[in-house]
Amino acid sequence: MKQPISGYHKDGGESHWVAQLACGHNQHVRHDPPWVNRPWVVTVEGRQSMLGGVKLDCRKCDDDAPADVRPESPEGPQSPDQARVSR
């Protein structure tokens, strides 16, 4: 089932970006060419441009899985203002 991206956080292990979907599930979004080509993941502006508009295929919804756990405070800059403050 296609679900829009509602936010992001970084995973605890490899510091990869994880999209938070509107359905309550999480999904890794990596830019790892040539296998996965998502250059928008690597910049704050790119991630912001995908909020709400892009829908990712959520297999957890297809499986009726419960919502995922999300961090209370997402890691990493979520907006250009936060990127300037965190540098």
N, C-alpha and C. Protein backbone atom coordinates (compact mmCIF):
# COMPACT_ATOMS: atom_id res chain seq x y z
N MET A 1 0.85 -1.16 0.00
CA MET A 1 0.00 0.00 0.00
C MET A 1 0.90 1.24 0.00
N LYS A 2 0.59 2.19 -0.85
CA LYS A 2 1.39 3.41 -0.95
C LYS A 2 1.05 4.36 0.21
N GLN A 3 2.10 4.88 0.87
CA GLN A 3 1.93 5.78 2.01
C GLN A 3 2.85 6.99 1.87
N PRO A 4 2.36 8.19 2.18
CA PRO A 4 3.19 9.39 2.09
C PRO A 4 4.21 9.46 3.23
N ILE A 5 5.32 10.13 2.96
CA ILE A 5 6.36 10.36 3.96
C ILE A 5 5.93 11.52 4.86
N SER A 6 5.98 11.30 6.19
CA SER A 6 5.57 12.36 7.12
C SER A 6 6.74 12.93 7.92
N GLY A 7 7.91 12.29 7.86
CA GLY A 7 9.08 12.76 8.59
C GLY A 7 10.25 11.81 8.38
N TYR A 8 11.34 12.09 9.08
CA TYR A 8 12.56 11.28 8.95
C TYR A 8 13.27 11.18 10.29
N HIS A 9 14.06 10.13 10.45
CA HIS A 9 15.02 10.03 11.53
C HIS A 9 16.15 9.13 11.03
N LYS A 10 17.25 9.10 11.77
CA LYS A 10 18.36 8.21 11.41
C LYS A 10 18.29 6.95 12.25
N ASP A 11 18.65 5.82 11.63
CA ASP A 11 18.64 4.58 12.39
C ASP A 11 19.79 4.57 13.38
N GLY A 12 19.70 3.72 14.38
CA GLY A 12 20.69 3.68 15.44
C GLY A 12 21.99 3.01 15.06
N GLY A 13 21.96 2.14 14.06
CA GLY A 13 23.14 1.35 13.75
C GLY A 13 24.07 1.98 12.74
N GLU A 14 23.59 2.17 11.53
CA GLU A 14 24.45 2.61 10.44
C GLU A 14 24.25 4.07 10.08
N SER A 15 23.40 4.79 10.82
CA SER A 15 23.10 6.20 10.56
C SER A 15 22.53 6.44 9.17
N HIS A 16 21.71 5.51 8.70
CA HIS A 16 20.99 5.70 7.44
C HIS A 16 19.68 6.41 7.74
N TRP A 17 19.19 7.18 6.75
CA TRP A 17 17.93 7.88 6.92
C TRP A 17 16.77 6.89 6.84
N VAL A 18 15.79 7.12 7.70
CA VAL A 18 14.58 6.31 7.76
C VAL A 18 13.40 7.24 7.56
N ALA A 19 12.55 6.92 6.59
CA ALA A 19 11.34 7.70 6.36
C ALA A 19 10.27 7.23 7.34
N GLN A 20 9.59 8.19 7.93
CA GLN A 20 8.45 7.90 8.78
C GLN A 20 7.22 8.07 7.91
N LEU A 21 6.46 7.02 7.74
CA LEU A 21 5.30 7.06 6.86
C LEU A 21 4.05 7.45 7.64
N ALA A 22 3.08 8.02 6.94
CA ALA A 22 1.84 8.49 7.56
C ALA A 22 1.08 7.35 8.24
N CYS A 23 1.29 6.13 7.82
CA CYS A 23 0.59 4.98 8.39
C CYS A 23 1.15 4.57 9.75
N GLY A 24 2.30 5.13 10.14
CA GLY A 24 2.93 4.77 11.42
C GLY A 24 4.10 3.81 11.27
N HIS A 25 4.38 3.39 10.05
CA HIS A 25 5.53 2.50 9.82
C HIS A 25 6.75 3.32 9.41
N ASN A 26 7.93 2.71 9.57
CA ASN A 26 9.20 3.31 9.18
C ASN A 26 9.76 2.52 8.00
N GLN A 27 10.53 3.22 7.14
CA GLN A 27 11.16 2.54 6.01
C GLN A 27 12.49 3.23 5.68
N HIS A 28 13.57 2.44 5.61
CA HIS A 28 14.87 3.01 5.24
C HIS A 28 14.77 3.61 3.84
N VAL A 29 15.41 4.78 3.69
CA VAL A 29 15.53 5.41 2.38
C VAL A 29 17.02 5.70 2.19
N ARG A 30 17.63 4.94 1.32
CA ARG A 30 19.07 5.05 1.11
C ARG A 30 19.37 5.53 -0.31
N HIS A 31 20.47 6.23 -0.43
CA HIS A 31 21.03 6.55 -1.75
C HIS A 31 22.28 5.71 -1.86
N ASP A 32 22.20 4.61 -2.58
CA ASP A 32 23.30 3.65 -2.67
C ASP A 32 23.44 3.18 -4.12
N PRO A 33 23.86 4.12 -5.02
CA PRO A 33 23.98 3.73 -6.43
C PRO A 33 25.02 2.64 -6.62
N PRO A 34 24.90 1.80 -7.59
CA PRO A 34 23.86 1.76 -8.62
C PRO A 34 22.61 0.99 -8.21
N TRP A 35 22.57 0.43 -7.03
CA TRP A 35 21.42 -0.39 -6.62
C TRP A 35 20.19 0.44 -6.30
N VAL A 36 20.37 1.50 -5.54
CA VAL A 36 19.26 2.38 -5.17
C VAL A 36 19.68 3.81 -5.48
N ASN A 37 18.89 4.49 -6.30
CA ASN A 37 19.23 5.84 -6.71
C ASN A 37 18.22 6.83 -6.13
N ARG A 38 18.56 7.38 -4.97
CA ARG A 38 17.71 8.37 -4.29
C ARG A 38 18.59 9.55 -3.85
N PRO A 39 19.07 10.35 -4.77
CA PRO A 39 19.95 11.46 -4.39
C PRO A 39 19.29 12.47 -3.46
N TRP A 40 17.96 12.54 -3.45
CA TRP A 40 17.25 13.48 -2.58
C TRP A 40 17.44 13.17 -1.11
N VAL A 41 17.87 11.97 -0.76
CA VAL A 41 18.03 11.56 0.64
C VAL A 41 19.19 12.29 1.32
N VAL A 42 20.20 12.67 0.56
CA VAL A 42 21.43 13.17 1.17
C VAL A 42 21.41 14.65 1.56
N THR A 43 20.37 15.39 1.18
CA THR A 43 20.30 16.81 1.56
C THR A 43 19.01 17.10 2.32
N VAL A 44 19.06 18.09 3.18
CA VAL A 44 17.88 18.52 3.92
C VAL A 44 16.79 18.95 2.95
N GLU A 45 17.18 19.75 1.96
CA GLU A 45 16.20 20.24 0.97
C GLU A 45 15.58 19.09 0.20
N GLY A 46 16.38 18.10 -0.15
CA GLY A 46 15.86 16.93 -0.87
C GLY A 46 14.86 16.16 -0.04
N ARG A 47 15.19 15.93 1.23
CA ARG A 47 14.25 15.20 2.10
C ARG A 47 12.97 16.00 2.28
N GLN A 48 13.10 17.30 2.50
CA GLN A 48 11.92 18.14 2.68
C GLN A 48 11.02 18.11 1.45
N SER A 49 11.62 18.07 0.26
CA SER A 49 10.83 18.09 -0.96
C SER A 49 9.97 16.85 -1.14
N MET A 50 10.29 15.79 -0.42
CA MET A 50 9.54 14.55 -0.55
C MET A 50 8.45 14.38 0.51
N LEU A 51 8.44 15.26 1.50
CA LEU A 51 7.43 15.17 2.57
C LEU A 51 6.03 15.35 2.01
N GLY A 52 5.16 14.39 2.30
CA GLY A 52 3.77 14.48 1.92
C GLY A 52 3.45 14.17 0.47
N GLY A 53 4.38 14.41 -0.42
CA GLY A 53 4.10 14.23 -1.85
C GLY A 53 4.43 12.85 -2.37
N VAL A 54 5.60 12.37 -2.03
CA VAL A 54 6.03 11.06 -2.51
C VAL A 54 5.42 9.97 -1.64
N LYS A 55 4.95 8.93 -2.28
CA LYS A 55 4.39 7.79 -1.54
C LYS A 55 5.28 6.58 -1.77
N LEU A 56 5.65 5.95 -0.66
CA LEU A 56 6.47 4.73 -0.74
C LEU A 56 5.58 3.52 -0.54
N ASP A 57 5.96 2.42 -1.14
CA ASP A 57 5.22 1.18 -0.99
C ASP A 57 5.49 0.61 0.40
N CYS A 58 4.47 0.52 1.24
CA CYS A 58 4.62 0.02 2.60
C CYS A 58 4.15 -1.43 2.67
N ARG A 59 5.10 -2.32 2.71
CA ARG A 59 4.76 -3.75 2.79
C ARG A 59 4.23 -4.13 4.18
N LYS A 60 4.63 -3.34 5.18
CA LYS A 60 4.12 -3.60 6.53
C LYS A 60 2.62 -3.38 6.58
N CYS A 61 2.11 -2.39 5.85
CA CYS A 61 0.66 -2.17 5.77
C CYS A 61 -0.01 -3.37 5.10
N ASP A 62 0.62 -3.86 4.02
CA ASP A 62 0.07 -5.01 3.31
C ASP A 62 -0.03 -6.22 4.23
N ASP A 63 0.88 -6.31 5.21
CA ASP A 63 0.90 -7.43 6.15
C ASP A 63 0.12 -7.14 7.44
N ASP A 64 -0.56 -5.98 7.50
CA ASP A 64 -1.30 -5.56 8.71
C ASP A 64 -0.41 -5.53 9.96
N ALA A 65 0.82 -5.10 9.80
CA ALA A 65 1.76 -5.03 10.93
C ALA A 65 1.43 -3.83 11.82
N PRO A 66 1.71 -3.94 13.13
CA PRO A 66 1.48 -2.80 14.03
C PRO A 66 2.45 -1.67 13.71
N ALA A 67 2.13 -0.47 14.17
CA ALA A 67 2.98 0.70 13.94
C ALA A 67 4.37 0.48 14.53
N ASP A 68 5.37 1.10 13.92
CA ASP A 68 6.76 1.00 14.39
C ASP A 68 7.02 2.00 15.51
N VAL A 69 8.06 1.73 16.27
CA VAL A 69 8.53 2.65 17.30
C VAL A 69 9.32 3.75 16.61
N ARG A 70 9.13 4.98 17.05
CA ARG A 70 9.86 6.12 16.49
C ARG A 70 10.55 6.88 17.61
N PRO A 71 11.71 7.46 17.32
CA PRO A 71 12.39 8.25 18.35
C PRO A 71 11.57 9.49 18.70
N GLU A 72 11.64 9.90 19.97
CA GLU A 72 10.91 11.11 20.39
C GLU A 72 11.47 12.34 19.70
N SER A 73 12.79 12.42 19.60
CA SER A 73 13.44 13.54 18.92
C SER A 73 14.25 12.96 17.78
N PRO A 74 13.81 13.17 16.54
CA PRO A 74 14.56 12.64 15.40
C PRO A 74 16.00 13.16 15.38
N GLU A 75 16.90 12.30 14.95
CA GLU A 75 18.31 12.69 14.83
C GLU A 75 18.54 13.38 13.50
N GLY A 76 19.49 14.28 13.48
CA GLY A 76 19.87 14.92 12.23
C GLY A 76 18.97 16.07 11.88
N PRO A 77 19.46 16.96 11.03
CA PRO A 77 18.67 18.12 10.64
C PRO A 77 17.44 17.73 9.83
N GLN A 78 16.32 18.32 10.19
CA GLN A 78 15.09 18.07 9.47
C GLN A 78 14.71 19.28 8.61
N SER A 79 15.34 20.41 8.88
CA SER A 79 15.06 21.62 8.11
C SER A 79 16.35 22.41 7.95
N PRO A 80 16.40 23.33 6.99
CA PRO A 80 17.62 24.13 6.82
C PRO A 80 17.98 24.90 8.09
N ASP A 81 16.97 25.38 8.85
CA ASP A 81 17.26 26.10 10.09
C ASP A 81 17.99 25.20 11.09
N GLN A 82 17.53 23.96 11.24
CA GLN A 82 18.19 23.04 12.16
C GLN A 82 19.57 22.67 11.66
N ALA A 83 19.75 22.60 10.34
CA ALA A 83 21.06 22.27 9.80
C ALA A 83 22.07 23.35 10.16
N ARG A 84 21.65 24.63 10.10
CA ARG A 84 22.57 25.71 10.45
C ARG A 84 22.92 25.68 11.94
N VAL A 85 21.93 25.38 12.77
CA VAL A 85 22.14 25.38 14.22
C VAL A 85 23.06 24.22 14.61
N SER A 86 22.92 23.05 13.96
CA SER A 86 23.66 21.87 14.39
C SER A 86 25.08 21.83 13.88
N ARG A 87 25.48 22.74 13.04
CA ARG A 87 26.84 22.71 12.49
C ARG A 87 27.84 23.29 13.44
